PDB file of all heavy atoms in Angstrom:
ATOM      1  N   THR A   1      70.081 112.270  79.524  1.00  0.00           N
ATOM      2  CA  THR A   1      70.444 113.605  79.999  1.00  0.00           C
ATOM      3  C   THR A   1      69.436 114.035  81.062  1.00  0.00           C
ATOM      4  O   THR A   1      68.423 113.381  81.277  1.00  0.00           O
ATOM      5  CB  THR A   1      70.435 114.629  78.851  1.00  0.00           C
ATOM      6  OG1 THR A   1      69.084 114.789  78.365  1.00  0.00           O
ATOM      7  CG2 THR A   1      71.317 114.166  77.697  1.00  0.00           C
ATOM      8  N   ALA A   2      69.726 115.151  81.689  1.00  0.00           N
ATOM      9  CA  ALA A   2      68.849 115.635  82.755  1.00  0.00           C
ATOM     10  C   ALA A   2      67.828 116.649  82.260  1.00  0.00           C
ATOM     11  O   ALA A   2      67.118 117.248  83.070  1.00  0.00           O
ATOM     12  CB  ALA A   2      69.702 116.263  83.867  1.00  0.00           C
ATOM     13  N   ASP A   3      67.723 116.832  80.946  1.00  0.00           N
ATOM     14  CA  ASP A   3      66.795 117.859  80.473  1.00  0.00           C
ATOM     15  C   ASP A   3      65.344 117.373  80.551  1.00  0.00           C
ATOM     16  O   ASP A   3      65.064 116.182  80.666  1.00  0.00           O
ATOM     17  CB  ASP A   3      67.161 118.341  79.064  1.00  0.00           C
ATOM     18  CG  ASP A   3      66.895 117.318  77.965  1.00  0.00           C
ATOM     19  OD1 ASP A   3      66.194 116.333  78.218  1.00  0.00           O
ATOM     20  OD2 ASP A   3      67.396 117.525  76.857  1.00  0.00           O
ATOM     21  N   ASP A   4      64.424 118.318  80.501  1.00  0.00           N
ATOM     22  CA  ASP A   4      63.001 118.019  80.670  1.00  0.00           C
ATOM     23  C   ASP A   4      62.414 117.257  79.490  1.00  0.00           C
ATOM     24  O   ASP A   4      61.332 116.672  79.595  1.00  0.00           O
ATOM     25  CB  ASP A   4      62.208 119.319  80.878  1.00  0.00           C
ATOM     26  CG  ASP A   4      62.581 120.024  82.174  1.00  0.00           C
ATOM     27  OD1 ASP A   4      63.049 119.340  83.098  1.00  0.00           O
ATOM     28  OD2 ASP A   4      62.422 121.255  82.232  1.00  0.00           O
ATOM     29  N   LEU A   5      63.098 117.274  78.353  1.00  0.00           N
ATOM     30  CA  LEU A   5      62.575 116.619  77.156  1.00  0.00           C
ATOM     31  C   LEU A   5      62.862 115.125  77.129  1.00  0.00           C
ATOM     32  O   LEU A   5      62.294 114.399  76.314  1.00  0.00           O
ATOM     33  CB  LEU A   5      63.171 117.268  75.905  1.00  0.00           C
ATOM     34  CG  LEU A   5      62.860 118.756  75.698  1.00  0.00           C
ATOM     35  CD1 LEU A   5      63.603 119.294  74.478  1.00  0.00           C
ATOM     36  CD2 LEU A   5      61.361 118.970  75.543  1.00  0.00           C
ATOM     37  N   GLY A   6      63.749 114.660  77.989  1.00  0.00           N
ATOM     38  CA  GLY A   6      64.114 113.244  77.978  1.00  0.00           C
ATOM     39  C   GLY A   6      65.050 112.872  76.852  1.00  0.00           C
ATOM     40  O   GLY A   6      65.077 111.709  76.414  1.00  0.00           O
ATOM     41  N   ARG A   7      65.834 113.837  76.388  1.00  0.00           N
ATOM     42  CA  ARG A   7      66.722 113.550  75.263  1.00  0.00           C
ATOM     43  C   ARG A   7      67.898 112.676  75.680  1.00  0.00           C
ATOM     44  O   ARG A   7      68.274 112.611  76.842  1.00  0.00           O
ATOM     45  CB  ARG A   7      67.251 114.855  74.664  1.00  0.00           C
ATOM     46  CG  ARG A   7      66.198 115.734  74.029  1.00  0.00           C
ATOM     47  CD  ARG A   7      66.826 116.951  73.383  1.00  0.00           C
ATOM     48  NE  ARG A   7      67.572 117.746  74.349  1.00  0.00           N
ATOM     49  CZ  ARG A   7      68.377 118.756  74.024  1.00  0.00           C
ATOM     50  NH1 ARG A   7      68.551 119.070  72.747  1.00  0.00           N
ATOM     51  NH2 ARG A   7      69.007 119.450  74.968  1.00  0.00           N
ATOM     52  N   LEU A   8      68.467 112.034  74.675  1.00  0.00           N
ATOM     53  CA  LEU A   8      69.671 111.228  74.853  1.00  0.00           C
ATOM     54  C   LEU A   8      70.858 111.960  74.252  1.00  0.00           C
ATOM     55  O   LEU A   8      70.730 112.637  73.219  1.00  0.00           O
ATOM     56  CB  LEU A   8      69.523 109.874  74.166  1.00  0.00           C
ATOM     57  CG  LEU A   8      68.380 108.970  74.618  1.00  0.00           C
ATOM     58  CD1 LEU A   8      68.282 107.763  73.696  1.00  0.00           C
ATOM     59  CD2 LEU A   8      68.560 108.536  76.071  1.00  0.00           C
ATOM     60  N   ALA A   9      72.005 111.813  74.891  1.00  0.00           N
ATOM     61  CA  ALA A   9      73.258 112.319  74.342  1.00  0.00           C
ATOM     62  C   ALA A   9      74.018 111.173  73.704  1.00  0.00           C
ATOM     63  O   ALA A   9      73.532 110.045  73.607  1.00  0.00           O
ATOM     64  CB  ALA A   9      74.070 112.988  75.442  1.00  0.00           C
ATOM     65  N   ALA A  10      75.229 111.451  73.265  1.00  0.00           N
ATOM     66  CA  ALA A  10      76.057 110.434  72.608  1.00  0.00           C
ATOM     67  C   ALA A  10      76.227 109.218  73.508  1.00  0.00           C
ATOM     68  O   ALA A  10      76.303 109.337  74.732  1.00  0.00           O
ATOM     69  CB  ALA A  10      77.415 111.028  72.253  1.00  0.00           C
ATOM     70  N   PRO A  11      76.278 108.032  72.930  1.00  0.00           N
ATOM     71  CA  PRO A  11      76.397 106.803  73.732  1.00  0.00           C
ATOM     72  C   PRO A  11      77.746 106.683  74.416  1.00  0.00           C
ATOM     73  O   PRO A  11      78.734 107.274  73.980  1.00  0.00           O
ATOM     74  CB  PRO A  11      76.195 105.696  72.693  1.00  0.00           C
ATOM     75  CG  PRO A  11      76.603 106.309  71.390  1.00  0.00           C
ATOM     76  CD  PRO A  11      76.213 107.754  71.478  1.00  0.00           C
ATOM     77  N   ALA A  12      77.762 105.890  75.494  1.00  0.00           N
ATOM     78  CA  ALA A  12      79.021 105.633  76.205  1.00  0.00           C
ATOM     79  C   ALA A  12      79.963 104.785  75.367  1.00  0.00           C
ATOM     80  O   ALA A  12      81.184 104.909  75.465  1.00  0.00           O
ATOM     81  CB  ALA A  12      78.724 104.950  77.536  1.00  0.00           C
ATOM     82  N   MET A  13      79.406 103.933  74.543  1.00  0.00           N
ATOM     83  CA  MET A  13      80.224 103.073  73.687  1.00  0.00           C
ATOM     84  C   MET A  13      80.746 103.864  72.490  1.00  0.00           C
ATOM     85  O   MET A  13      79.990 104.633  71.873  1.00  0.00           O
ATOM     86  CB  MET A  13      79.398 101.882  73.189  1.00  0.00           C
ATOM     87  CG  MET A  13      79.000 100.916  74.288  1.00  0.00           C
ATOM     88  SD  MET A  13      77.744  99.707  73.748  1.00  0.00           S
ATOM     89  CE  MET A  13      76.243 100.667  73.954  1.00  0.00           C
ATOM     90  N   PRO A  14      82.007 103.721  72.125  1.00  0.00           N
ATOM     91  CA  PRO A  14      82.533 104.418  70.949  1.00  0.00           C
ATOM     92  C   PRO A  14      81.743 104.048  69.693  1.00  0.00           C
ATOM     93  O   PRO A  14      81.337 102.893  69.519  1.00  0.00           O
ATOM     94  CB  PRO A  14      83.985 103.919  70.858  1.00  0.00           C
ATOM     95  CG  PRO A  14      84.316 103.456  72.238  1.00  0.00           C
ATOM     96  CD  PRO A  14      83.041 102.906  72.801  1.00  0.00           C
ATOM     97  N   LEU A  15      81.535 105.022  68.835  1.00  0.00           N
ATOM     98  CA  LEU A  15      80.755 104.770  67.620  1.00  0.00           C
ATOM     99  C   LEU A  15      81.416 103.720  66.736  1.00  0.00           C
ATOM    100  O   LEU A  15      80.734 102.949  66.061  1.00  0.00           O
ATOM    101  CB  LEU A  15      80.547 106.075  66.850  1.00  0.00           C
ATOM    102  CG  LEU A  15      79.668 107.112  67.547  1.00  0.00           C
ATOM    103  CD1 LEU A  15      79.597 108.393  66.720  1.00  0.00           C
ATOM    104  CD2 LEU A  15      78.260 106.566  67.781  1.00  0.00           C
ATOM    105  N   GLU A  16      82.735 103.677  66.735  1.00  0.00           N
ATOM    106  CA  GLU A  16      83.425 102.666  65.931  1.00  0.00           C
ATOM    107  C   GLU A  16      83.070 101.262  66.405  1.00  0.00           C
ATOM    108  O   GLU A  16      82.915 100.340  65.599  1.00  0.00           O
ATOM    109  CB  GLU A  16      84.938 102.880  65.992  1.00  0.00           C
ATOM    110  CG  GLU A  16      85.437 104.129  65.263  1.00  0.00           C
ATOM    111  CD  GLU A  16      85.181 105.407  66.043  1.00  0.00           C
ATOM    112  OE1 GLU A  16      84.740 105.321  67.222  1.00  0.00           O
ATOM    113  OE2 GLU A  16      85.415 106.489  65.488  1.00  0.00           O
ATOM    114  N   GLU A  17      82.931 101.094  67.731  1.00  0.00           N
ATOM    115  CA  GLU A  17      82.532  99.788  68.258  1.00  0.00           C
ATOM    116  C   GLU A  17      81.094  99.461  67.887  1.00  0.00           C
ATOM    117  O   GLU A  17      80.772  98.306  67.570  1.00  0.00           O
ATOM    118  CB  GLU A  17      82.699  99.770  69.782  1.00  0.00           C
ATOM    119  CG  GLU A  17      84.126  99.707  70.267  1.00  0.00           C
ATOM    120  CD  GLU A  17      84.210  99.486  71.761  1.00  0.00           C
ATOM    121  OE1 GLU A  17      83.218  98.997  72.352  1.00  0.00           O
ATOM    122  OE2 GLU A  17      85.253  99.820  72.345  1.00  0.00           O
ATOM    123  N   LEU A  18      80.235 100.470  67.916  1.00  0.00           N
ATOM    124  CA  LEU A  18      78.839 100.249  67.533  1.00  0.00           C
ATOM    125  C   LEU A  18      78.750  99.847  66.063  1.00  0.00           C
ATOM    126  O   LEU A  18      77.977  98.967  65.697  1.00  0.00           O
ATOM    127  CB  LEU A  18      78.013 101.505  67.790  1.00  0.00           C
ATOM    128  CG  LEU A  18      77.824 101.907  69.253  1.00  0.00           C
ATOM    129  CD1 LEU A  18      77.052 103.217  69.345  1.00  0.00           C
ATOM    130  CD2 LEU A  18      77.088 100.811  70.014  1.00  0.00           C
ATOM    131  N   ALA A  19      79.538 100.513  65.228  1.00  0.00           N
ATOM    132  CA  ALA A  19      79.535 100.171  63.802  1.00  0.00           C
ATOM    133  C   ALA A  19      80.009  98.740  63.591  1.00  0.00           C
ATOM    134  O   ALA A  19      79.514  98.035  62.704  1.00  0.00           O
ATOM    135  CB  ALA A  19      80.422 101.145  63.029  1.00  0.00           C
ATOM    136  N   GLY A  20      80.952  98.299  64.409  1.00  0.00           N
ATOM    137  CA  GLY A  20      81.440  96.938  64.283  1.00  0.00           C
ATOM    138  C   GLY A  20      80.456  95.898  64.772  1.00  0.00           C
ATOM    139  O   GLY A  20      80.504  94.743  64.336  1.00  0.00           O
ATOM    140  N   ALA A  21      79.543  96.317  65.672  1.00  0.00           N
ATOM    141  CA  ALA A  21      78.577  95.367  66.230  1.00  0.00           C
ATOM    142  C   ALA A  21      77.318  95.249  65.390  1.00  0.00           C
ATOM    143  O   ALA A  21      76.478  94.377  65.645  1.00  0.00           O
ATOM    144  CB  ALA A  21      78.197  95.798  67.649  1.00  0.00           C
ATOM    145  N   ALA A  22      77.164  96.113  64.401  1.00  0.00           N
ATOM    146  CA  ALA A  22      75.937  96.141  63.599  1.00  0.00           C
ATOM    147  C   ALA A  22      76.265  96.069  62.118  1.00  0.00           C
ATOM    148  O   ALA A  22      77.399  96.283  61.701  1.00  0.00           O
ATOM    149  CB  ALA A  22      75.152  97.418  63.893  1.00  0.00           C
ATOM    150  N   ASP A  23      75.252  95.755  61.340  1.00  0.00           N
ATOM    151  CA  ASP A  23      75.403  95.837  59.889  1.00  0.00           C
ATOM    152  C   ASP A  23      75.308  97.274  59.405  1.00  0.00           C
ATOM    153  O   ASP A  23      75.878  97.636  58.373  1.00  0.00           O
ATOM    154  CB  ASP A  23      74.323  94.995  59.204  1.00  0.00           C
ATOM    155  CG  ASP A  23      74.447  93.524  59.550  1.00  0.00           C
ATOM    156  OD1 ASP A  23      75.537  92.953  59.369  1.00  0.00           O
ATOM    157  OD2 ASP A  23      73.448  92.945  60.033  1.00  0.00           O
ATOM    158  N   LEU A  24      74.553  98.086  60.164  1.00  0.00           N
ATOM    159  CA  LEU A  24      74.410  99.497  59.806  1.00  0.00           C
ATOM    160  C   LEU A  24      74.266 100.328  61.076  1.00  0.00           C
ATOM    161  O   LEU A  24      73.448 100.014  61.946  1.00  0.00           O
ATOM    162  CB  LEU A  24      73.184  99.715  58.908  1.00  0.00           C
ATOM    163  CG  LEU A  24      72.925 101.163  58.465  1.00  0.00           C
ATOM    164  CD1 LEU A  24      74.058 101.664  57.564  1.00  0.00           C
ATOM    165  CD2 LEU A  24      71.587 101.276  57.737  1.00  0.00           C
ATOM    166  N   LEU A  25      75.056 101.386  61.176  1.00  0.00           N
ATOM    167  CA  LEU A  25      74.946 102.384  62.237  1.00  0.00           C
ATOM    168  C   LEU A  25      74.465 103.679  61.599  1.00  0.00           C
ATOM    169  O   LEU A  25      75.071 104.160  60.640  1.00  0.00           O
ATOM    170  CB  LEU A  25      76.304 102.598  62.912  1.00  0.00           C
ATOM    171  CG  LEU A  25      76.420 103.779  63.877  1.00  0.00           C
ATOM    172  CD1 LEU A  25      75.526 103.588  65.088  1.00  0.00           C
ATOM    173  CD2 LEU A  25      77.887 103.971  64.301  1.00  0.00           C
ATOM    174  N   VAL A  26      73.365 104.233  62.116  1.00  0.00           N
ATOM    175  CA  VAL A  26      72.833 105.498  61.599  1.00  0.00           C
ATOM    176  C   VAL A  26      72.925 106.519  62.718  1.00  0.00           C
ATOM    177  O   VAL A  26      72.381 106.317  63.809  1.00  0.00           O
ATOM    178  CB  VAL A  26      71.387 105.353  61.106  1.00  0.00           C
ATOM    179  CG1 VAL A  26      70.974 106.608  60.332  1.00  0.00           C
ATOM    180  CG2 VAL A  26      71.221 104.123  60.228  1.00  0.00           C
ATOM    181  N   VAL A  27      73.603 107.639  62.450  1.00  0.00           N
ATOM    182  CA  VAL A  27      73.930 108.605  63.487  1.00  0.00           C
ATOM    183  C   VAL A  27      73.310 109.965  63.168  1.00  0.00           C
ATOM    184  O   VAL A  27      73.536 110.520  62.084  1.00  0.00           O
ATOM    185  CB  VAL A  27      75.455 108.772  63.621  1.00  0.00           C
ATOM    186  CG1 VAL A  27      75.793 109.786  64.713  1.00  0.00           C
ATOM    187  CG2 VAL A  27      76.117 107.431  63.912  1.00  0.00           C
ATOM    188  N   GLU A  28      72.533 110.489  64.115  1.00  0.00           N
ATOM    189  CA  GLU A  28      72.069 111.869  64.001  1.00  0.00           C
ATOM    190  C   GLU A  28      73.198 112.761  64.473  1.00  0.00           C
ATOM    191  O   GLU A  28      73.589 112.728  65.646  1.00  0.00           O
ATOM    192  CB  GLU A  28      70.810 112.099  64.835  1.00  0.00           C
ATOM    193  CG  GLU A  28      70.217 113.484  64.638  1.00  0.00           C
ATOM    194  CD  GLU A  28      68.809 113.611  65.178  1.00  0.00           C
ATOM    195  OE1 GLU A  28      68.005 112.664  64.990  1.00  0.00           O
ATOM    196  OE2 GLU A  28      68.493 114.657  65.769  1.00  0.00           O
ATOM    197  N   ALA A  29      73.742 113.567  63.562  1.00  0.00           N
ATOM    198  CA  ALA A  29      74.989 114.279  63.822  1.00  0.00           C
ATOM    199  C   ALA A  29      74.830 115.792  63.774  1.00  0.00           C
ATOM    200  O   ALA A  29      75.780 116.511  63.455  1.00  0.00           O
ATOM    201  CB  ALA A  29      76.048 113.827  62.810  1.00  0.00           C
ATOM    202  N   ASP A  30      73.642 116.279  64.124  1.00  0.00           N
ATOM    203  CA  ASP A  30      73.377 117.704  63.986  1.00  0.00           C
ATOM    204  C   ASP A  30      72.179 118.073  64.852  1.00  0.00           C
ATOM    205  O   ASP A  30      71.418 117.198  65.283  1.00  0.00           O
ATOM    206  CB  ASP A  30      73.068 118.031  62.517  1.00  0.00           C
ATOM    207  CG  ASP A  30      73.527 119.415  62.090  1.00  0.00           C
ATOM    208  OD1 ASP A  30      73.900 120.218  62.958  1.00  0.00           O
ATOM    209  OD2 ASP A  30      73.513 119.677  60.882  1.00  0.00           O
TER     210      ASP A  30
END
């Protein structure tokens, strides 16, 4: 993102695809 903190937003890849590519997907959802 463009903020001063250097934060990341949601990934470009769909979360379902990420879950399929890993044994475990952990998502910060709040």
